[in-house]
Amino acid sequence: MQVGRALAAIHSLPRALVMDADLPAYSADQCRSRMLHDLDRAAATGRIPGQLLRRWEQALEDTTLWRFSTRVVHGDLHEDNVIVHEGAWAP
């Protein structure tokens, strides 16, 4: 439950905070472009089943799915990037 609250608080932060801190910030279209690049790299391995690859390609090509307001995200929710103090979790 605490993890969910902490993540919700992060998602509620203003984008300007990220931009002012010179952290990476991407528009929805930039997110889509990055995902297309990642998909191309994954496809080049030949290890992605064809049906799954086509499904991902269709989702990335459907621009209506990429019309959203971006939010601040943690980015790397790994155990080394969080603090647990007296049983309470904090990013």
PDB file of N, CA and C in Angstrom:
ATOM      1  N   MET A   1       0.816  -1.185   0.000  1.00  0.00           N
ATOM      2  CA  MET A   1       0.000   0.000   0.000  1.00  0.00           C
ATOM      3  C   MET A   1       0.869   1.262   0.000  1.00  0.00           C
ATOM      4  N   GLN A   2       1.941   1.268   0.802  1.00  0.00           N
ATOM      5  CA  GLN A   2       2.811   2.437   0.858  1.00  0.00           C
ATOM      6  C   GLN A   2       3.510   2.684  -0.472  1.00  0.00           C
ATOM      7  N   VAL A   3       3.869   1.621  -1.155  1.00  0.00           N
ATOM      8  CA  VAL A   3       4.510   1.768  -2.458  1.00  0.00           C
ATOM      9  C   VAL A   3       3.561   2.465  -3.420  1.00  0.00           C
ATOM     10  N   GLY A   4       2.310   2.054  -3.426  1.00  0.00           N
ATOM     11  CA  GLY A   4       1.316   2.677  -4.301  1.00  0.00           C
ATOM     12  C   GLY A   4       1.135   4.150  -4.003  1.00  0.00           C
ATOM     13  N   ARG A   5       1.078   4.503  -2.735  1.00  0.00           N
ATOM     14  CA  ARG A   5       0.933   5.917  -2.353  1.00  0.00           C
ATOM     15  C   ARG A   5       2.154   6.740  -2.771  1.00  0.00           C
ATOM     16  N   ALA A   6       3.328   6.160  -2.570  1.00  0.00           N
ATOM     17  CA  ALA A   6       4.552   6.869  -2.960  1.00  0.00           C
ATOM     18  C   ALA A   6       4.595   7.075  -4.467  1.00  0.00           C
ATOM     19  N   LEU A   7       4.240   6.050  -5.226  1.00  0.00           N
ATOM     20  CA  LEU A   7       4.237   6.191  -6.682  1.00  0.00           C
ATOM     21  C   LEU A   7       3.179   7.191  -7.138  1.00  0.00           C
ATOM     22  N   ALA A   8       2.013   7.178  -6.503  1.00  0.00           N
ATOM     23  CA  ALA A   8       0.975   8.157  -6.840  1.00  0.00           C
ATOM     24  C   ALA A   8       1.470   9.572  -6.578  1.00  0.00           C
ATOM     25  N   ALA A   9       2.197   9.757  -5.492  1.00  0.00           N
ATOM     26  CA  ALA A   9       2.747  11.082  -5.181  1.00  0.00           C
ATOM     27  C   ALA A   9       3.754  11.508  -6.240  1.00  0.00           C
ATOM     28  N   ILE A  10       4.580  10.566  -6.692  1.00  0.00           N
ATOM     29  CA  ILE A  10       5.547  10.875  -7.750  1.00  0.00           C
ATOM     30  C   ILE A  10       4.820  11.262  -9.025  1.00  0.00           C
ATOM     31  N   HIS A  11       3.772  10.510  -9.392  1.00  0.00           N
ATOM     32  CA  HIS A  11       3.015  10.800 -10.613  1.00  0.00           C
ATOM     33  C   HIS A  11       2.310  12.154 -10.535  1.00  0.00           C
ATOM     34  N   SER A  12       2.088  12.646  -9.344  1.00  0.00           N
ATOM     35  CA  SER A  12       1.403  13.930  -9.159  1.00  0.00           C
ATOM     36  C   SER A  12       2.353  15.125  -9.205  1.00  0.00           C
ATOM     37  N   LEU A  13       3.649  14.882  -9.208  1.00  0.00           N
ATOM     38  CA  LEU A  13       4.608  15.985  -9.243  1.00  0.00           C
ATOM     39  C   LEU A  13       4.483  16.758 -10.554  1.00  0.00           C
ATOM     40  N   PRO A  14       4.724  18.047 -10.516  1.00  0.00           N
ATOM     41  CA  PRO A  14       4.671  18.827 -11.764  1.00  0.00           C
ATOM     42  C   PRO A  14       5.851  18.480 -12.678  1.00  0.00           C
ATOM     43  N   ARG A  15       5.584  18.430 -13.959  1.00  0.00           N
ATOM     44  CA  ARG A  15       6.641  18.121 -14.941  1.00  0.00           C
ATOM     45  C   ARG A  15       7.769  19.121 -14.866  1.00  0.00           C
ATOM     46  N   ALA A  16       7.452  20.362 -14.524  1.00  0.00           N
ATOM     47  CA  ALA A  16       8.473  21.414 -14.451  1.00  0.00           C
ATOM     48  C   ALA A  16       9.563  21.043 -13.447  1.00  0.00           C
ATOM     49  N   LEU A  17       9.200  20.335 -12.406  1.00  0.00           N
ATOM     50  CA  LEU A  17      10.168  19.910 -11.404  1.00  0.00           C
ATOM     51  C   LEU A  17      11.245  19.033 -12.050  1.00  0.00           C
ATOM     52  N   VAL A  18      10.826  18.124 -12.899  1.00  0.00           N
ATOM     53  CA  VAL A  18      11.759  17.243 -13.603  1.00  0.00           C
ATOM     54  C   VAL A  18      12.606  18.051 -14.578  1.00  0.00           C
ATOM     55  N   MET A  19      11.961  18.905 -15.312  1.00  0.00           N
ATOM     56  CA  MET A  19      12.681  19.693 -16.312  1.00  0.00           C
ATOM     57  C   MET A  19      13.672  20.653 -15.654  1.00  0.00           C
ATOM     58  N   ASP A  20      13.276  21.277 -14.549  1.00  0.00           N
ATOM     59  CA  ASP A  20      14.167  22.190 -13.834  1.00  0.00           C
ATOM     60  C   ASP A  20      15.364  21.460 -13.244  1.00  0.00           C
ATOM     61  N   ALA A  21      15.184  20.187 -12.918  1.00  0.00           N
ATOM     62  CA  ALA A  21      16.273  19.376 -12.358  1.00  0.00           C
ATOM     63  C   ALA A  21      17.140  18.769 -13.460  1.00  0.00           C
ATOM     64  N   ASP A  22      16.840  19.103 -14.712  1.00  0.00           N
ATOM     65  CA  ASP A  22      17.573  18.602 -15.868  1.00  0.00           C
ATOM     66  C   ASP A  22      17.549  17.074 -15.950  1.00  0.00           C
ATOM     67  N   LEU A  23      16.410  16.504 -15.570  1.00  0.00           N
ATOM     68  CA  LEU A  23      16.187  15.066 -15.696  1.00  0.00           C
ATOM     69  C   LEU A  23      15.500  14.792 -17.029  1.00  0.00           C
ATOM     70  N   PRO A  24      15.583  13.578 -17.545  1.00  0.00           N
ATOM     71  CA  PRO A  24      14.936  13.283 -18.825  1.00  0.00           C
ATOM     72  C   PRO A  24      13.422  13.492 -18.750  1.00  0.00           C
ATOM     73  N   ALA A  25      12.894  14.148 -19.766  1.00  0.00           N
ATOM     74  CA  ALA A  25      11.450  14.367 -19.882  1.00  0.00           C
ATOM     75  C   ALA A  25      11.073  14.132 -21.344  1.00  0.00           C
ATOM     76  N   TYR A  26      10.018  13.350 -21.551  1.00  0.00           N
ATOM     77  CA  TYR A  26       9.620  12.981 -22.913  1.00  0.00           C
ATOM     78  C   TYR A  26       8.146  13.265 -23.129  1.00  0.00           C
ATOM     79  N   SER A  27       7.818  13.701 -24.331  1.00  0.00           N
ATOM     80  CA  SER A  27       6.425  13.852 -24.729  1.00  0.00           C
ATOM     81  C   SER A  27       5.885  12.469 -25.061  1.00  0.00           C
ATOM     82  N   ALA A  28       4.587  12.376 -25.250  1.00  0.00           N
ATOM     83  CA  ALA A  28       3.989  11.089 -25.619  1.00  0.00           C
ATOM     84  C   ALA A  28       4.577  10.588 -26.945  1.00  0.00           C
ATOM     85  N   ASP A  29       4.764  11.496 -27.896  1.00  0.00           N
ATOM     86  CA  ASP A  29       5.318  11.091 -29.190  1.00  0.00           C
ATOM     87  C   ASP A  29       6.779  10.648 -29.054  1.00  0.00           C
ATOM     88  N   GLN A  30       7.517  11.308 -28.184  1.00  0.00           N
ATOM     89  CA  GLN A  30       8.897  10.883 -27.947  1.00  0.00           C
ATOM     90  C   GLN A  30       8.937   9.498 -27.293  1.00  0.00           C
ATOM     91  N   CYS A  31       7.990   9.232 -26.403  1.00  0.00           N
ATOM     92  CA  CYS A  31       7.899   7.904 -25.788  1.00  0.00           C
ATOM     93  C   CYS A  31       7.654   6.852 -26.869  1.00  0.00           C
ATOM     94  N   ARG A  32       6.747   7.161 -27.767  1.00  0.00           N
ATOM     95  CA  ARG A  32       6.424   6.238 -28.859  1.00  0.00           C
ATOM     96  C   ARG A  32       7.651   5.994 -29.733  1.00  0.00           C
ATOM     97  N   SER A  33       8.372   7.043 -30.073  1.00  0.00           N
ATOM     98  CA  SER A  33       9.576   6.902 -30.897  1.00  0.00           C
ATOM     99  C   SER A  33      10.627   6.050 -30.205  1.00  0.00           C
ATOM    100  N   ARG A  34      10.793   6.257 -28.909  1.00  0.00           N
ATOM    101  CA  ARG A  34      11.752   5.457 -28.149  1.00  0.00           C
ATOM    102  C   ARG A  34      11.346   3.981 -28.136  1.00  0.00           C
ATOM    103  N   MET A  35      10.045   3.740 -27.976  1.00  0.00           N
ATOM    104  CA  MET A  35       9.556   2.364 -27.975  1.00  0.00           C
ATOM    105  C   MET A  35       9.729   1.717 -29.355  1.00  0.00           C
ATOM    106  N   LEU A  36       9.502   2.478 -30.417  1.00  0.00           N
ATOM    107  CA  LEU A  36       9.718   1.960 -31.774  1.00  0.00           C
ATOM    108  C   LEU A  36      11.176   1.549 -31.960  1.00  0.00           C
ATOM    109  N   HIS A  37      12.074   2.379 -31.481  1.00  0.00           N
ATOM    110  CA  HIS A  37      13.506   2.072 -31.569  1.00  0.00           C
ATOM    111  C   HIS A  37      13.818   0.788 -30.794  1.00  0.00           C
ATOM    112  N   ASP A  38      13.285   0.694 -29.579  1.00  0.00           N
ATOM    113  CA  ASP A  38      13.511  -0.511 -28.771  1.00  0.00           C
ATOM    114  C   ASP A  38      12.936  -1.753 -29.443  1.00  0.00           C
ATOM    115  N   LEU A  39      11.761  -1.605 -30.045  1.00  0.00           N
ATOM    116  CA  LEU A  39      11.138  -2.737 -30.731  1.00  0.00           C
ATOM    117  C   LEU A  39      11.976  -3.169 -31.928  1.00  0.00           C
ATOM    118  N   ASP A  40      12.498  -2.215 -32.678  1.00  0.00           N
ATOM    119  CA  ASP A  40      13.364  -2.547 -33.816  1.00  0.00           C
ATOM    120  C   ASP A  40      14.592  -3.329 -33.354  1.00  0.00           C
ATOM    121  N   ARG A  41      15.179  -2.901 -32.251  1.00  0.00           N
ATOM    122  CA  ARG A  41      16.354  -3.602 -31.708  1.00  0.00           C
ATOM    123  C   ARG A  41      15.977  -5.012 -31.259  1.00  0.00           C
ATOM    124  N   ALA A  42      14.823  -5.133 -30.598  1.00  0.00           N
ATOM    125  CA  ALA A  42      14.376  -6.456 -30.136  1.00  0.00           C
ATOM    126  C   ALA A  42      14.082  -7.362 -31.328  1.00  0.00           C
ATOM    127  N   ALA A  43      13.439  -6.815 -32.359  1.00  0.00           N
ATOM    128  CA  ALA A  43      13.093  -7.603 -33.550  1.00  0.00           C
ATOM    129  C   ALA A  43      14.352  -8.105 -34.248  1.00  0.00           C
ATOM    130  N   ALA A  44      15.410  -7.290 -34.230  1.00  0.00           N
ATOM    131  CA  ALA A  44      16.655  -7.663 -34.903  1.00  0.00           C
ATOM    132  C   ALA A  44      17.307  -8.883 -34.259  1.00  0.00           C
ATOM    133  N   THR A  45      16.959  -9.195 -33.030  1.00  0.00           N
ATOM    134  CA  THR A  45      17.531 -10.375 -32.372  1.00  0.00           C
ATOM    135  C   THR A  45      16.960 -11.661 -32.939  1.00  0.00           C
ATOM    136  N   GLY A  46      15.767 -11.580 -33.551  1.00  0.00           N
ATOM    137  CA  GLY A  46      15.108 -12.764 -34.072  1.00  0.00           C
ATOM    138  C   GLY A  46      14.492 -13.634 -32.994  1.00  0.00           C
ATOM    139  N   ARG A  47      14.459 -13.146 -31.775  1.00  0.00           N
ATOM    140  CA  ARG A  47      13.956 -13.945 -30.654  1.00  0.00           C
ATOM    141  C   ARG A  47      12.519 -13.600 -30.258  1.00  0.00           C
ATOM    142  N   ILE A  48      11.921 -12.639 -30.905  1.00  0.00           N
ATOM    143  CA  ILE A  48      10.553 -12.238 -30.579  1.00  0.00           C
ATOM    144  C   ILE A  48       9.597 -13.039 -31.460  1.00  0.00           C
ATOM    145  N   PRO A  49       8.652 -13.752 -30.863  1.00  0.00           N
ATOM    146  CA  PRO A  49       7.680 -14.489 -31.689  1.00  0.00           C
ATOM    147  C   PRO A  49       6.932 -13.527 -32.625  1.00  0.00           C
ATOM    148  N   GLY A  50       6.725 -13.967 -33.841  1.00  0.00           N
ATOM    149  CA  GLY A  50       6.109 -13.120 -34.861  1.00  0.00           C
ATOM    150  C   GLY A  50       4.782 -12.515 -34.447  1.00  0.00           C
ATOM    151  N   GLN A  51       3.920 -13.303 -33.822  1.00  0.00           N
ATOM    152  CA  GLN A  51       2.610 -12.800 -33.416  1.00  0.00           C
ATOM    153  C   GLN A  51       2.746 -11.678 -32.383  1.00  0.00           C
ATOM    154  N   LEU A  52       3.654 -11.836 -31.455  1.00  0.00           N
ATOM    155  CA  LEU A  52       3.877 -10.806 -30.442  1.00  0.00           C
ATOM    156  C   LEU A  52       4.479  -9.563 -31.069  1.00  0.00           C
ATOM    157  N   LEU A  53       5.419  -9.723 -31.957  1.00  0.00           N
ATOM    158  CA  LEU A  53       6.044  -8.602 -32.651  1.00  0.00           C
ATOM    159  C   LEU A  53       5.007  -7.798 -33.431  1.00  0.00           C
ATOM    160  N   ARG A  54       4.124  -8.488 -34.154  1.00  0.00           N
ATOM    161  CA  ARG A  54       3.075  -7.791 -34.911  1.00  0.00           C
ATOM    162  C   ARG A  54       2.135  -7.030 -33.967  1.00  0.00           C
ATOM    163  N   ARG A  55       1.811  -7.628 -32.836  1.00  0.00           N
ATOM    164  CA  ARG A  55       0.919  -6.967 -31.865  1.00  0.00           C
ATOM    165  C   ARG A  55       1.549  -5.679 -31.345  1.00  0.00           C
ATOM    166  N   TRP A  56       2.823  -5.745 -31.009  1.00  0.00           N
ATOM    167  CA  TRP A  56       3.518  -4.547 -30.530  1.00  0.00           C
ATOM    168  C   TRP A  56       3.616  -3.504 -31.642  1.00  0.00           C
ATOM    169  N   GLU A  57       3.915  -3.948 -32.850  1.00  0.00           N
ATOM    170  CA  GLU A  57       4.005  -3.011 -33.979  1.00  0.00           C
ATOM    171  C   GLU A  57       2.680  -2.305 -34.204  1.00  0.00           C
ATOM    172  N   GLN A  58       1.580  -3.059 -34.148  1.00  0.00           N
ATOM    173  CA  GLN A  58       0.262  -2.452 -34.339  1.00  0.00           C
ATOM    174  C   GLN A  58      -0.022  -1.407 -33.263  1.00  0.00           C
ATOM    175  N   ALA A  59       0.314  -1.712 -32.033  1.00  0.00           N
ATOM    176  CA  ALA A  59       0.086  -0.758 -30.941  1.00  0.00           C
ATOM    177  C   ALA A  59       0.937   0.497 -31.123  1.00  0.00           C
ATOM    178  N   LEU A  60       2.152   0.335 -31.580  1.00  0.00           N
ATOM    179  CA  LEU A  60       3.025   1.491 -31.774  1.00  0.00           C
ATOM    180  C   LEU A  60       2.626   2.314 -32.996  1.00  0.00           C
ATOM    181  N   GLU A  61       2.040   1.671 -33.979  1.00  0.00           N
ATOM    182  CA  GLU A  61       1.601   2.388 -35.176  1.00  0.00           C
ATOM    183  C   GLU A  61       0.262   3.086 -34.976  1.00  0.00           C
ATOM    184  N   ASP A  62      -0.512   2.672 -34.012  1.00  0.00           N
ATOM    185  CA  ASP A  62      -1.819   3.281 -33.732  1.00  0.00           C
ATOM    186  C   ASP A  62      -1.603   4.562 -32.925  1.00  0.00           C
ATOM    187  N   THR A  63      -1.522   5.687 -33.626  1.00  0.00           N
ATOM    188  CA  THR A  63      -1.206   6.951 -32.962  1.00  0.00           C
ATOM    189  C   THR A  63      -2.265   7.385 -31.953  1.00  0.00           C
ATOM    190  N   THR A  64      -3.482   6.851 -32.068  1.00  0.00           N
ATOM    191  CA  THR A  64      -4.511   7.225 -31.089  1.00  0.00           C
ATOM    192  C   THR A  64      -4.159   6.711 -29.692  1.00  0.00           C
ATOM    193  N   LEU A  65      -3.373   5.647 -29.613  1.00  0.00           N
ATOM    194  CA  LEU A  65      -2.954   5.120 -28.316  1.00  0.00           C
ATOM    195  C   LEU A  65      -1.875   5.981 -27.668  1.00  0.00           C
ATOM    196  N   TRP A  66      -1.298   6.875 -28.441  1.00  0.00           N
ATOM    197  CA  TRP A  66      -0.169   7.675 -27.960  1.00  0.00           C
ATOM    198  C   TRP A  66      -0.542   9.134 -27.760  1.00  0.00           C
ATOM    199  N   ARG A  67      -1.803   9.377 -27.522  1.00  0.00           N
ATOM    200  CA  ARG A  67      -2.285  10.731 -27.195  1.00  0.00           C
ATOM    201  C   ARG A  67      -2.610  10.763 -25.714  1.00  0.00           C
ATOM    202  N   PHE A  68      -1.640  11.028 -24.920  1.00  0.00           N
ATOM    203  CA  PHE A  68      -1.849  11.066 -23.476  1.00  0.00           C
ATOM    204  C   PHE A  68      -0.978  12.152 -22.860  1.00  0.00           C
ATOM    205  N   SER A  69      -1.366  12.580 -21.690  1.00  0.00           N
ATOM    206  CA  SER A  69      -0.567  13.532 -20.931  1.00  0.00           C
ATOM    207  C   SER A  69       0.499  12.753 -20.182  1.00  0.00           C
ATOM    208  N   THR A  70       1.720  13.160 -20.347  1.00  0.00           N
ATOM    209  CA  THR A  70       2.803  12.467 -19.667  1.00  0.00           C
ATOM    210  C   THR A  70       2.839  12.850 -18.196  1.00  0.00           C
ATOM    211  N   ARG A  71       3.420  11.999 -17.405  1.00  0.00           N
ATOM    212  CA  ARG A  71       3.523  12.178 -15.957  1.00  0.00           C
ATOM    213  C   ARG A  71       4.950  11.891 -15.514  1.00  0.00           C
ATOM    214  N   VAL A  72       5.271  12.389 -14.356  1.00  0.00           N
ATOM    215  CA  VAL A  72       6.554  12.074 -13.741  1.00  0.00           C
ATOM    216  C   VAL A  72       6.495  10.621 -13.273  1.00  0.00           C
ATOM    217  N   VAL A  73       7.536   9.865 -13.571  1.00  0.00           N
ATOM    218  CA  VAL A  73       7.625   8.477 -13.132  1.00  0.00           C
ATOM    219  C   VAL A  73       8.956   8.269 -12.417  1.00  0.00           C
ATOM    220  N   HIS A  74       9.029   7.205 -11.652  1.00  0.00           N
ATOM    221  CA  HIS A  74      10.258   6.894 -10.917  1.00  0.00           C
ATOM    222  C   HIS A  74      11.373   6.522 -11.885  1.00  0.00           C
ATOM    223  N   GLY A  75      11.058   5.739 -12.874  1.00  0.00           N
ATOM    224  CA  GLY A  75      12.030   5.391 -13.896  1.00  0.00           C
ATOM    225  C   GLY A  75      12.815   4.124 -13.620  1.00  0.00           C
ATOM    226  N   ASP A  76      13.272   3.941 -12.405  1.00  0.00           N
ATOM    227  CA  ASP A  76      14.079   2.766 -12.086  1.00  0.00           C
ATOM    228  C   ASP A  76      13.751   2.320 -10.670  1.00  0.00           C
ATOM    229  N   LEU A  77      12.655   1.640 -10.535  1.00  0.00           N
ATOM    230  CA  LEU A  77      12.184   1.202  -9.227  1.00  0.00           C
ATOM    231  C   LEU A  77      12.892  -0.092  -8.852  1.00  0.00           C
ATOM    232  N   HIS A  78      14.131   0.041  -8.481  1.00  0.00           N
ATOM    233  CA  HIS A  78      14.977  -1.090  -8.093  1.00  0.00           C
ATOM    234  C   HIS A  78      15.264  -0.977  -6.604  1.00  0.00           C
ATOM    235  N   GLU A  79      15.501  -2.093  -5.960  1.00  0.00           N
ATOM    236  CA  GLU A  79      15.704  -2.094  -4.508  1.00  0.00           C
ATOM    237  C   GLU A  79      16.847  -1.185  -4.062  1.00  0.00           C
ATOM    238  N   ASP A  80      17.818  -0.946  -4.946  1.00  0.00           N
ATOM    239  CA  ASP A  80      18.917  -0.048  -4.593  1.00  0.00           C
ATOM    240  C   ASP A  80      18.519   1.419  -4.665  1.00  0.00           C
ATOM    241  N   ASN A  81      17.340   1.697  -5.238  1.00  0.00           N
ATOM    242  CA  ASN A  81      16.900   3.079  -5.434  1.00  0.00           C
ATOM    243  C   ASN A  81      15.749   3.485  -4.535  1.00  0.00           C
ATOM    244  N   VAL A  82      15.497   2.708  -3.502  1.00  0.00           N
ATOM    245  CA  VAL A  82      14.455   3.045  -2.541  1.00  0.00           C
ATOM    246  C   VAL A  82      15.025   2.908  -1.123  1.00  0.00           C
ATOM    247  N   ILE A  83      14.366   3.567  -0.202  1.00  0.00           N
ATOM    248  CA  ILE A  83      14.776   3.532   1.197  1.00  0.00           C
ATOM    249  C   ILE A  83      13.634   2.948   2.002  1.00  0.00           C
ATOM    250  N   VAL A  84      13.959   2.009   2.869  1.00  0.00           N
ATOM    251  CA  VAL A  84      12.991   1.478   3.799  1.00  0.00           C
ATOM    252  C   VAL A  84      13.471   1.856   5.200  1.00  0.00           C
ATOM    253  N   HIS A  85      12.655   2.627   5.876  1.00  0.00           N
ATOM    254  CA  HIS A  85      12.997   3.095   7.215  1.00  0.00           C
ATOM    255  C   HIS A  85      11.880   2.714   8.171  1.00  0.00           C
ATOM    256  N   GLU A  86      12.194   1.878   9.137  1.00  0.00           N
ATOM    257  CA  GLU A  86      11.211   1.420  10.117  1.00  0.00           C
ATOM    258  C   GLU A  86       9.959   0.877   9.434  1.00  0.00           C
ATOM    259  N   GLY A  87      10.180   0.114   8.372  1.00  0.00           N
ATOM    260  CA  GLY A  87       9.076  -0.524   7.672  1.00  0.00           C
ATOM    261  C   GLY A  87       8.348   0.368   6.678  1.00  0.00           C
ATOM    262  N   ALA A  88       8.732   1.631   6.586  1.00  0.00           N
ATOM    263  CA  ALA A  88       8.100   2.560   5.638  1.00  0.00           C
ATOM    264  C   ALA A  88       8.986   2.693   4.412  1.00  0.00           C
ATOM    265  N   TRP A  89       8.367   2.679   3.249  1.00  0.00           N
ATOM    266  CA  TRP A  89       9.070   2.724   1.975  1.00  0.00           C
ATOM    267  C   TRP A  89       9.056   4.138   1.451  1.00  0.00           C
ATOM    268  N   ALA A  90      10.167   4.578   0.876  1.00  0.00           N
ATOM    269  CA  ALA A  90      10.234   5.905   0.252  1.00  0.00           C
ATOM    270  C   ALA A  90      11.112   5.827  -0.981  1.00  0.00           C
ATOM    271  N   PRO A  91      10.721   6.500  -2.058  1.00  0.00           N
ATOM    272  CA  PRO A  91      11.556   6.499  -3.275  1.00  0.00           C
ATOM    273  C   PRO A  91      12.781   7.356  -3.074  1.00  0.00           C
TER     274      PRO A  91
END
